[in-house]
PDB file of N, CA and C in Angstrom:
ATOM      1  N   GLU A   1     158.707 110.662 107.508  1.00  0.00           N
ATOM      2  CA  GLU A   1     157.473 111.536 106.993  1.00  0.00           C
ATOM      3  C   GLU A   1     157.947 112.306 105.728  1.00  0.00           C
ATOM      4  N   LEU A   2     159.215 112.753 105.079  1.00  0.00           N
ATOM      5  CA  LEU A   2     158.665 113.812 103.708  1.00  0.00           C
ATOM      6  C   LEU A   2     158.556 112.919 102.776  1.00  0.00           C
ATOM      7  N   LEU A   3     158.871 111.805 102.553  1.00  0.00           N
ATOM      8  CA  LEU A   3     158.355 110.662 101.597  1.00  0.00           C
ATOM      9  C   LEU A   3     157.064 110.518 101.422  1.00  0.00           C
ATOM     10  N   THR A   4     156.465 110.654 102.875  1.00  0.00           N
ATOM     11  CA  THR A   4     154.755 110.156 103.205  1.00  0.00           C
ATOM     12  C   THR A   4     154.331 111.906 102.487  1.00  0.00           C
ATOM     13  N   ILE A   5     154.441 112.416 103.052  1.00  0.00           N
ATOM     14  CA  ILE A   5     154.483 114.456 102.549  1.00  0.00           C
ATOM     15  C   ILE A   5     153.780 114.276 101.081  1.00  0.00           C
ATOM     16  N   GLY A   6     155.405 113.498 100.858  1.00  0.00           N
ATOM     17  CA  GLY A   6     155.238 114.008  99.126  1.00  0.00           C
ATOM     18  C   GLY A   6     154.183 113.053  98.547  1.00  0.00           C
ATOM     19  N   ALA A   7     154.272 112.191  99.143  1.00  0.00           N
ATOM     20  CA  ALA A   7     153.279 110.921  98.628  1.00  0.00           C
ATOM     21  C   ALA A   7     151.530 111.777  98.404  1.00  0.00           C
ATOM     22  N   LEU A   8     151.015 112.032  99.927  1.00  0.00           N
ATOM     23  CA  LEU A   8     149.827 112.572  99.855  1.00  0.00           C
ATOM     24  C   LEU A   8     149.808 114.225  99.152  1.00  0.00           C
ATOM     25  N   GLU A   9     150.556 115.208  98.822  1.00  0.00           N
ATOM     26  CA  GLU A   9     150.909 116.660  97.513  1.00  0.00           C
ATOM     27  C   GLU A   9     150.585 115.578  97.075  1.00  0.00           C
ATOM     28  N   ALA A  10     151.562 114.377  96.666  1.00  0.00           N
ATOM     29  CA  ALA A  10     151.323 114.232  94.444  1.00  0.00           C
ATOM     30  C   ALA A  10     149.677 112.966  94.754  1.00  0.00           C
ATOM     31  N   ALA A  11     149.158 113.207  95.863  1.00  0.00           N
ATOM     32  CA  ALA A  11     147.956 111.991  95.330  1.00  0.00           C
ATOM     33  C   ALA A  11     146.560 113.006  95.477  1.00  0.00           C
ATOM     34  N   ARG A  12     146.947 114.525  96.196  1.00  0.00           N
ATOM     35  CA  ARG A  12     145.801 115.654  96.069  1.00  0.00           C
ATOM     36  C   ARG A  12     146.268 115.529  94.705  1.00  0.00           C
ATOM     37  N   ALA A  13     146.947 115.926  93.949  1.00  0.00           N
ATOM     38  CA  ALA A  13     147.532 116.824  92.266  1.00  0.00           C
ATOM     39  C   ALA A  13     147.348 115.643  91.649  1.00  0.00           C
ATOM     40  N   GLY A  14     146.733 114.633  92.066  1.00  0.00           N
ATOM     41  CA  GLY A  14     146.429 112.992  90.829  1.00  0.00           C
ATOM     42  C   GLY A  14     147.477 113.061  90.201  1.00  0.00           C
ATOM     43  N   ASN A  15     149.312 112.181  90.507  1.00  0.00           N
ATOM     44  CA  ASN A  15     150.340 112.037  90.439  1.00  0.00           C
ATOM     45  C   ASN A  15     150.425 111.109  90.660  1.00  0.00           C
ATOM     46  N   TRP A  16     148.981 109.912  90.505  1.00  0.00           N
ATOM     47  CA  TRP A  16     149.701 108.594  91.466  1.00  0.00           C
ATOM     48  C   TRP A  16     151.261 107.870  90.948  1.00  0.00           C
ATOM     49  N   ASP A  17     152.051 108.645  89.698  1.00  0.00           N
ATOM     50  CA  ASP A  17     153.084 107.604  89.839  1.00  0.00           C
ATOM     51  C   ASP A  17     154.083 108.376  90.970  1.00  0.00           C
ATOM     52  N   ARG A  18     153.932 109.722  90.776  1.00  0.00           N
ATOM     53  CA  ARG A  18     154.869 109.961  91.905  1.00  0.00           C
ATOM     54  C   ARG A  18     154.542 109.603  93.276  1.00  0.00           C
ATOM     55  N   VAL A  19     153.365 109.093  93.560  1.00  0.00           N
ATOM     56  CA  VAL A  19     152.921 108.751  95.036  1.00  0.00           C
ATOM     57  C   VAL A  19     152.997 107.451  95.335  1.00  0.00           C
ATOM     58  N   GLU A  20     153.340 106.044  93.948  1.00  0.00           N
ATOM     59  CA  GLU A  20     153.929 104.947  93.764  1.00  0.00           C
ATOM     60  C   GLU A  20     155.737 105.206  94.269  1.00  0.00           C
ATOM     61  N   ALA A  21     156.258 106.309  93.426  1.00  0.00           N
ATOM     62  CA  ALA A  21     157.650 106.486  93.181  1.00  0.00           C
ATOM     63  C   ALA A  21     157.725 106.366  95.255  1.00  0.00           C
ATOM     64  N   CYS A  22     157.147 107.320  96.290  1.00  0.00           N
ATOM     65  CA  CYS A  22     157.379 107.962  96.869  1.00  0.00           C
ATOM     66  C   CYS A  22     156.843 107.022  98.275  1.00  0.00           C
ATOM     67  N   TYR A  23     155.796 106.298  98.242  1.00  0.00           N
ATOM     68  CA  TYR A  23     155.197 104.818  98.339  1.00  0.00           C
ATOM     69  C   TYR A  23     156.804 103.989  98.568  1.00  0.00           C
ATOM     70  N   SER A  24     157.428 103.369  97.405  1.00  0.00           N
ATOM     71  CA  SER A  24     158.814 102.293  96.708  1.00  0.00           C
ATOM     72  C   SER A  24     159.498 102.688  97.801  1.00  0.00           C
ATOM     73  N   ALA A  25     159.732 103.936  97.770  1.00  0.00           N
ATOM     74  CA  ALA A  25     161.205 104.404  98.767  1.00  0.00           C
ATOM     75  C   ALA A  25     161.153 104.545 100.000  1.00  0.00           C
ATOM     76  N   ARG A  26     159.900 105.213 100.117  1.00  0.00           N
ATOM     77  CA  ARG A  26     159.642 104.810 101.916  1.00  0.00           C
ATOM     78  C   ARG A  26     160.109 103.540 102.497  1.00  0.00           C
ATOM     79  N   GLY A  27     159.271 102.787 101.685  1.00  0.00           N
ATOM     80  CA  GLY A  27     159.192 101.287 102.273  1.00  0.00           C
ATOM     81  C   GLY A  27     160.726 100.377 102.136  1.00  0.00           C
ATOM     82  N   LEU A  28     161.801 101.221 100.845  1.00  0.00           N
ATOM     83  CA  LEU A  28     163.350 100.835 101.855  1.00  0.00           C
ATOM     84  C   LEU A  28     163.466 101.675 103.169  1.00  0.00           C
ATOM     85  N   SER A  29     163.314 102.583 103.158  1.00  0.00           N
ATOM     86  CA  SER A  29     163.462 103.919 104.278  1.00  0.00           C
ATOM     87  C   SER A  29     163.588 102.887 105.833  1.00  0.00           C
ATOM     88  N   LEU A  30     162.101 102.539 105.239  1.00  0.00           N
ATOM     89  CA  LEU A  30     161.616 102.049 107.027  1.00  0.00           C
ATOM     90  C   LEU A  30     162.159 100.521 107.034  1.00  0.00           C
ATOM     91  N   ALA A  31     162.665 100.167 105.906  1.00  0.00           N
ATOM     92  CA  ALA A  31     163.109  98.613 106.584  1.00  0.00           C
ATOM     93  C   ALA A  31     164.441  98.919 106.713  1.00  0.00           C
ATOM     94  N   ALA A  32     165.378 100.145 107.152  1.00  0.00           N
ATOM     95  CA  ALA A  32     166.190 100.380 107.597  1.00  0.00           C
ATOM     96  C   ALA A  32     166.772 101.260 108.997  1.00  0.00           C
ATOM     97  N   CYS A  33     164.681 101.394 109.303  1.00  0.00           N
ATOM     98  CA  CYS A  33     165.012 101.626 110.484  1.00  0.00           C
ATOM     99  C   CYS A  33     163.942 101.305 111.161  1.00  0.00           C
ATOM    100  N   GLU A  34     164.310 101.572 112.360  1.00  0.00           N
ATOM    101  CA  GLU A  34     162.885 101.840 113.493  1.00  0.00           C
ATOM    102  C   GLU A  34     161.906 102.752 113.728  1.00  0.00           C
ATOM    103  N   LEU A  35     160.672 102.588 114.081  1.00  0.00           N
ATOM    104  CA  LEU A  35     159.770 103.806 114.239  1.00  0.00           C
ATOM    105  C   LEU A  35     159.606 104.182 115.469  1.00  0.00           C
ATOM    106  N   ASP A  36     159.619 105.073 116.776  1.00  0.00           N
ATOM    107  CA  ASP A  36     158.820 105.081 117.376  1.00  0.00           C
ATOM    108  C   ASP A  36     157.600 105.200 117.273  1.00  0.00           C
ATOM    109  N   ARG A  37     156.613 104.560 118.447  1.00  0.00           N
ATOM    110  CA  ARG A  37     154.366 104.729 117.761  1.00  0.00           C
ATOM    111  C   ARG A  37     153.996 105.862 117.555  1.00  0.00           C
ATOM    112  N   ALA A  38     154.655 106.878 117.743  1.00  0.00           N
ATOM    113  CA  ALA A  38     154.317 108.473 117.560  1.00  0.00           C
ATOM    114  C   ALA A  38     154.279 108.502 116.086  1.00  0.00           C
ATOM    115  N   ALA A  39     156.040 108.235 115.457  1.00  0.00           N
ATOM    116  CA  ALA A  39     155.945 108.948 113.785  1.00  0.00           C
ATOM    117  C   ALA A  39     155.431 107.107 112.967  1.00  0.00           C
ATOM    118  N   ALA A  40     154.921 106.008 113.602  1.00  0.00           N
ATOM    119  CA  ALA A  40     154.300 105.003 112.928  1.00  0.00           C
ATOM    120  C   ALA A  40     152.586 105.692 112.946  1.00  0.00           C
ATOM    121  N   GLN A  41     152.150 106.279 113.990  1.00  0.00           N
ATOM    122  CA  GLN A  41     151.071 106.352 113.991  1.00  0.00           C
ATOM    123  C   GLN A  41     151.028 107.519 113.023  1.00  0.00           C
ATOM    124  N   GLN A  42     152.004 108.708 113.083  1.00  0.00           N
ATOM    125  CA  GLN A  42     151.764 110.307 112.493  1.00  0.00           C
ATOM    126  C   GLN A  42     151.580 109.487 110.697  1.00  0.00           C
ATOM    127  N   LEU A  43     152.623 108.020 109.929  1.00  0.00           N
ATOM    128  CA  LEU A  43     152.780 107.635 109.140  1.00  0.00           C
ATOM    129  C   LEU A  43     151.005 107.238 108.271  1.00  0.00           C
ATOM    130  N   LEU A  44     151.037 106.463 109.480  1.00  0.00           N
ATOM    131  CA  LEU A  44     149.570 106.271 108.995  1.00  0.00           C
ATOM    132  C   LEU A  44     148.062 107.006 108.829  1.00  0.00           C
ATOM    133  N   SER A  45     148.205 107.885 109.641  1.00  0.00           N
ATOM    134  CA  SER A  45     147.373 108.753 109.675  1.00  0.00           C
ATOM    135  C   SER A  45     147.387 109.877 107.892  1.00  0.00           C
ATOM    136  N   MET A  46     148.698 109.818 107.595  1.00  0.00           N
ATOM    137  CA  MET A  46     148.540 110.579 105.728  1.00  0.00           C
ATOM    138  C   MET A  46     148.745 109.016 105.211  1.00  0.00           C
ATOM    139  N   ASP A  47     148.906 108.059 105.472  1.00  0.00           N
ATOM    140  CA  ASP A  47     148.776 106.685 104.883  1.00  0.00           C
ATOM    141  C   ASP A  47     146.584 106.696 104.624  1.00  0.00           C
ATOM    142  N   GLU A  48     146.051 107.261 105.679  1.00  0.00           N
ATOM    143  CA  GLU A  48     144.631 107.631 105.563  1.00  0.00           C
ATOM    144  C   GLU A  48     144.065 108.381 105.162  1.00  0.00           C
ATOM    145  N   GLU A  49     145.214 110.097 104.945  1.00  0.00           N
ATOM    146  CA  GLU A  49     144.735 111.268 103.268  1.00  0.00           C
ATOM    147  C   GLU A  49     145.010 110.229 102.143  1.00  0.00           C
ATOM    148  N   VAL A  50     145.720 110.084 101.901  1.00  0.00           N
ATOM    149  CA  VAL A  50     145.956 109.625 100.878  1.00  0.00           C
ATOM    150  C   VAL A  50     144.983 108.384 100.259  1.00  0.00           C
ATOM    151  N   ARG A  51     144.722 107.576 101.134  1.00  0.00           N
ATOM    152  CA  ARG A  51     143.612 106.247 100.136  1.00  0.00           C
ATOM    153  C   ARG A  51     142.190 107.383 100.249  1.00  0.00           C
ATOM    154  N   ALA A  52     142.039 108.205 100.991  1.00  0.00           N
ATOM    155  CA  ALA A  52     141.762 109.257 100.966  1.00  0.00           C
ATOM    156  C   ALA A  52     140.904 109.974  99.146  1.00  0.00           C
ATOM    157  N   ALA A  53     142.200 110.489  98.994  1.00  0.00           N
ATOM    158  CA  ALA A  53     142.554 110.889  97.835  1.00  0.00           C
ATOM    159  C   ALA A  53     141.858 110.026  96.483  1.00  0.00           C
ATOM    160  N   ILE A  54     142.658 108.999  96.909  1.00  0.00           N
ATOM    161  CA  ILE A  54     142.966 107.554  96.346  1.00  0.00           C
ATOM    162  C   ILE A  54     140.934 107.283  95.826  1.00  0.00           C
ATOM    163  N   LEU A  55     140.601 107.091  96.992  1.00  0.00           N
ATOM    164  CA  LEU A  55     139.039 107.285  96.605  1.00  0.00           C
ATOM    165  C   LEU A  55     138.322 108.067  95.518  1.00  0.00           C
ATOM    166  N   VAL A  56     138.963 108.964  96.246  1.00  0.00           N
ATOM    167  CA  VAL A  56     138.033 110.318  95.759  1.00  0.00           C
ATOM    168  C   VAL A  56     138.302 110.160  93.816  1.00  0.00           C
ATOM    169  N   ALA A  57     139.233 110.485  93.765  1.00  0.00           N
ATOM    170  CA  ALA A  57     139.816 109.637  92.463  1.00  0.00           C
ATOM    171  C   ALA A  57     139.255 108.728  91.526  1.00  0.00           C
ATOM    172  N   GLN A  58     138.823 107.477  91.932  1.00  0.00           N
ATOM    173  CA  GLN A  58     138.461 106.490  91.986  1.00  0.00           C
ATOM    174  C   GLN A  58     137.175 106.393  91.340  1.00  0.00           C
ATOM    175  N   ALA A  59     136.170 106.992  92.701  1.00  0.00           N
ATOM    176  CA  ALA A  59     134.887 107.912  92.312  1.00  0.00           C
ATOM    177  C   ALA A  59     134.426 108.980  90.984  1.00  0.00           C
ATOM    178  N   GLY A  60     135.424 109.762  90.791  1.00  0.00           N
ATOM    179  CA  GLY A  60     135.184 110.269  89.830  1.00  0.00           C
ATOM    180  C   GLY A  60     135.514 109.717  88.291  1.00  0.00           C
ATOM    181  N   ILE A  61     136.291 109.093  88.710  1.00  0.00           N
ATOM    182  CA  ILE A  61     136.726 107.996  87.326  1.00  0.00           C
ATOM    183  C   ILE A  61     135.903 106.898  87.119  1.00  0.00           C
ATOM    184  N   SER A  62     135.234 106.336  88.045  1.00  0.00           N
ATOM    185  CA  SER A  62     133.607 105.689  87.770  1.00  0.00           C
ATOM    186  C   SER A  62     132.681 106.809  87.338  1.00  0.00           C
ATOM    187  N   ALA A  63     132.324 107.986  87.872  1.00  0.00           N
ATOM    188  CA  ALA A  63     131.602 108.840  87.689  1.00  0.00           C
ATOM    189  C   ALA A  63     131.921 108.961  86.053  1.00  0.00           C
ATOM    190  N   GLN A  64     132.633 109.506  85.235  1.00  0.00           N
ATOM    191  CA  GLN A  64     133.590 109.686  84.011  1.00  0.00           C
ATOM    192  C   GLN A  64     133.046 108.344  83.090  1.00  0.00           C
ATOM    193  N   LEU A  65     133.532 107.174  83.740  1.00  0.00           N
ATOM    194  CA  LEU A  65     133.026 105.898  82.785  1.00  0.00           C
ATOM    195  C   LEU A  65     131.602 105.850  82.662  1.00  0.00           C
ATOM    196  N   THR A  66     131.136 106.009  83.775  1.00  0.00           N
ATOM    197  CA  THR A  66     129.663 105.824  83.469  1.00  0.00           C
ATOM    198  C   THR A  66     128.860 106.411  82.533  1.00  0.00           C
ATOM    199  N   ASP A  67     129.224 108.229  82.606  1.00  0.00           N
ATOM    200  CA  ASP A  67     128.812 109.377  81.591  1.00  0.00           C
ATOM    201  C   ASP A  67     129.132 108.600  80.695  1.00  0.00           C
ATOM    202  N   ALA A  68     130.904 108.519  79.880  1.00  0.00           N
ATOM    203  CA  ALA A  68     130.596 108.403  78.661  1.00  0.00           C
ATOM    204  C   ALA A  68     129.697 106.656  78.534  1.00  0.00           C
ATOM    205  N   ALA A  69     129.512 105.427  78.801  1.00  0.00           N
ATOM    206  CA  ALA A  69     128.654 104.886  78.632  1.00  0.00           C
ATOM    207  C   ALA A  69     127.551 105.014  77.836  1.00  0.00           C
ATOM    208  N   GLN A  70     127.036 106.433  79.287  1.00  0.00           N
ATOM    209  CA  GLN A  70     125.638 106.904  78.728  1.00  0.00           C
ATOM    210  C   GLN A  70     125.949 107.656  77.036  1.00  0.00           C
ATOM    211  N   VAL A  71     126.471 107.980  77.151  1.00  0.00           N
ATOM    212  CA  VAL A  71     126.836 109.190  75.782  1.00  0.00           C
ATOM    213  C   VAL A  71     127.031 107.826  74.745  1.00  0.00           C
ATOM    214  N   LYS A  72     127.982 106.475  74.908  1.00  0.00           N
ATOM    215  CA  LYS A  72     127.843 105.944  73.445  1.00  0.00           C
ATOM    216  C   LYS A  72     126.525 105.478  73.845  1.00  0.00           C
ATOM    217  N   ARG A  73     125.549 105.212  74.793  1.00  0.00           N
ATOM    218  CA  ARG A  73     124.250 104.344  74.792  1.00  0.00           C
ATOM    219  C   ARG A  73     123.244 105.246  73.736  1.00  0.00           C
ATOM    220  N   HIS A  74     123.529 106.559  74.301  1.00  0.00           N
ATOM    221  CA  HIS A  74     123.034 107.592  73.616  1.00  0.00           C
ATOM    222  C   HIS A  74     123.132 108.015  72.118  1.00  0.00           C
ATOM    223  N   LEU A  75     124.414 107.236  71.661  1.00  0.00           N
ATOM    224  CA  LEU A  75     124.804 107.799  70.369  1.00  0.00           C
ATOM    225  C   LEU A  75     124.404 106.981  69.401  1.00  0.00           C
ATOM    226  N   ARG A  76     124.139 105.542  69.455  1.00  0.00           N
ATOM    227  CA  ARG A  76     124.010 104.313  69.031  1.00  0.00           C
ATOM    228  C   ARG A  76     122.007 104.386  69.154  1.00  0.00           C
ATOM    229  N   GLN A  77     121.398 104.849  69.747  1.00  0.00           N
ATOM    230  CA  GLN A  77     120.028 104.750  69.580  1.00  0.00           C
ATOM    231  C   GLN A  77     120.071 105.896  68.699  1.00  0.00           C
ATOM    232  N   LEU A  78     120.417 106.998  68.486  1.00  0.00           N
ATOM    233  CA  LEU A  78     120.924 108.328  67.409  1.00  0.00           C
ATOM    234  C   LEU A  78     121.017 107.575  66.298  1.00  0.00           C
ATOM    235  N   ARG A  79     121.893 106.544  66.137  1.00  0.00           N
ATOM    236  CA  ARG A  79     122.002 106.205  65.195  1.00  0.00           C
ATOM    237  C   ARG A  79     121.205 105.147  64.688  1.00  0.00           C
ATOM    238  N   GLU A  80     120.897 104.383  65.358  1.00  0.00           N
ATOM    239  CA  GLU A  80     119.488 103.711  65.032  1.00  0.00           C
ATOM    240  C   GLU A  80     118.188 104.011  64.792  1.00  0.00           C
ATOM    241  N   SER A  81     117.942 105.175  64.911  1.00  0.00           N
ATOM    242  CA  SER A  81     117.035 105.913  64.962  1.00  0.00           C
ATOM    243  C   SER A  81     116.538 106.337  64.030  1.00  0.00           C
ATOM    244  N   SER A  82     117.820 107.042  63.038  1.00  0.00           N
ATOM    245  CA  SER A  82     117.878 107.889  62.169  1.00  0.00           C
ATOM    246  C   SER A  82     118.469 106.404  60.811  1.00  0.00           C
ATOM    247  N   GLY A  83     118.590 105.724  61.111  1.00  0.00           N
ATOM    248  CA  GLY A  83     118.211 104.507  59.959  1.00  0.00           C
ATOM    249  C   GLY A  83     119.699 103.636  59.414  1.00  0.00           C
ATOM    250  N   GLN A  84     120.631 104.387  60.738  1.00  0.00           N
ATOM    251  CA  GLN A  84     121.788 103.368  60.664  1.00  0.00           C
ATOM    252  C   GLN A  84     122.581 102.288  60.731  1.00  0.00           C
ATOM    253  N   LEU A  85     122.660 101.593  60.694  1.00  0.00           N
ATOM    254  CA  LEU A  85     122.896 100.413  61.160  1.00  0.00           C
ATOM    255  C   LEU A  85     123.854 100.485  61.973  1.00  0.00           C
ATOM    256  N   ALA A  86     123.680  99.436  63.811  1.00  0.00           N
ATOM    257  CA  ALA A  86     123.978  99.654  64.684  1.00  0.00           C
ATOM    258  C   ALA A  86     125.790  99.404  64.433  1.00  0.00           C
ATOM    259  N   SER A  87     126.283  98.109  63.462  1.00  0.00           N
ATOM    260  CA  SER A  87     127.298  98.138  63.333  1.00  0.00           C
ATOM    261  C   SER A  87     128.458  99.143  62.694  1.00  0.00           C
ATOM    262  N   GLU A  88     127.429  99.864  61.849  1.00  0.00           N
ATOM    263  CA  GLU A  88     128.044 101.017  61.064  1.00  0.00           C
ATOM    264  C   GLU A  88     128.871 102.104  61.705  1.00  0.00           C
ATOM    265  N   ARG A  89     129.549 102.283  61.670  1.00  0.00           N
ATOM    266  CA  ARG A  89     130.620 102.829  62.962  1.00  0.00           C
ATOM    267  C   ARG A  89     131.119 104.782  62.068  1.00  0.00           C
ATOM    268  N   VAL A  90     130.686 105.500  63.091  1.00  0.00           N
ATOM    269  CA  VAL A  90     130.860 106.506  63.017  1.00  0.00           C
ATOM    270  C   VAL A  90     131.903 107.496  63.716  1.00  0.00           C
ATOM    271  N   THR A  91     132.322 108.361  63.348  1.00  0.00           N
ATOM    272  CA  THR A  91     133.506 108.736  63.897  1.00  0.00           C
ATOM    273  C   THR A  91     133.538 109.677  64.337  1.00  0.00           C
ATOM    274  N   ILE A  92     133.769 110.835  65.469  1.00  0.00           N
ATOM    275  CA  ILE A  92     133.597 112.038  66.273  1.00  0.00           C
ATOM    276  C   ILE A  92     134.427 111.990  66.212  1.00  0.00           C
ATOM    277  N   HIS A  93     135.072 113.695  65.703  1.00  0.00           N
ATOM    278  CA  HIS A  93     136.849 113.992  66.108  1.00  0.00           C
ATOM    279  C   HIS A  93     136.136 115.167  66.616  1.00  0.00           C
ATOM    280  N   HIS A  94     136.813 115.310  67.991  1.00  0.00           N
ATOM    281  CA  HIS A  94     137.055 116.328  68.922  1.00  0.00           C
ATOM    282  C   HIS A  94     138.714 117.177  68.944  1.00  0.00           C
ATOM    283  N   GLU A  95     138.195 118.729  68.812  1.00  0.00           N
ATOM    284  CA  GLU A  95     139.539 119.630  68.509  1.00  0.00           C
ATOM    285  C   GLU A  95     139.783 120.035  69.771  1.00  0.00           C
ATOM    286  N   ALA A  96     141.091 120.045  70.441  1.00  0.00           N
ATOM    287  CA  ALA A  96     141.569 120.941  71.693  1.00  0.00           C
ATOM    288  C   ALA A  96     141.472 121.974  70.836  1.00  0.00           C
TER     289      ALA A  96
END
């Protein structure tokens, strides 16, 4: 159960490598023991919370990709309207 809690906390924090590590370790641990029905249900419930966090992250990434595509399209339109060829590359540098 501690590994699943760790995976849930990691998912909420967006630490996907840690989520994977927790689930890998949990898989090995569960293979070596038997769970009663209540413990299995508790793990499944936490798994659903991890899944929900993954879906939220995926939706966020999808929205960012959509926004990036719109910005790219807008920049291309600006270049074309200012007389630059679409094939000319313009690099924009952003300092953090």
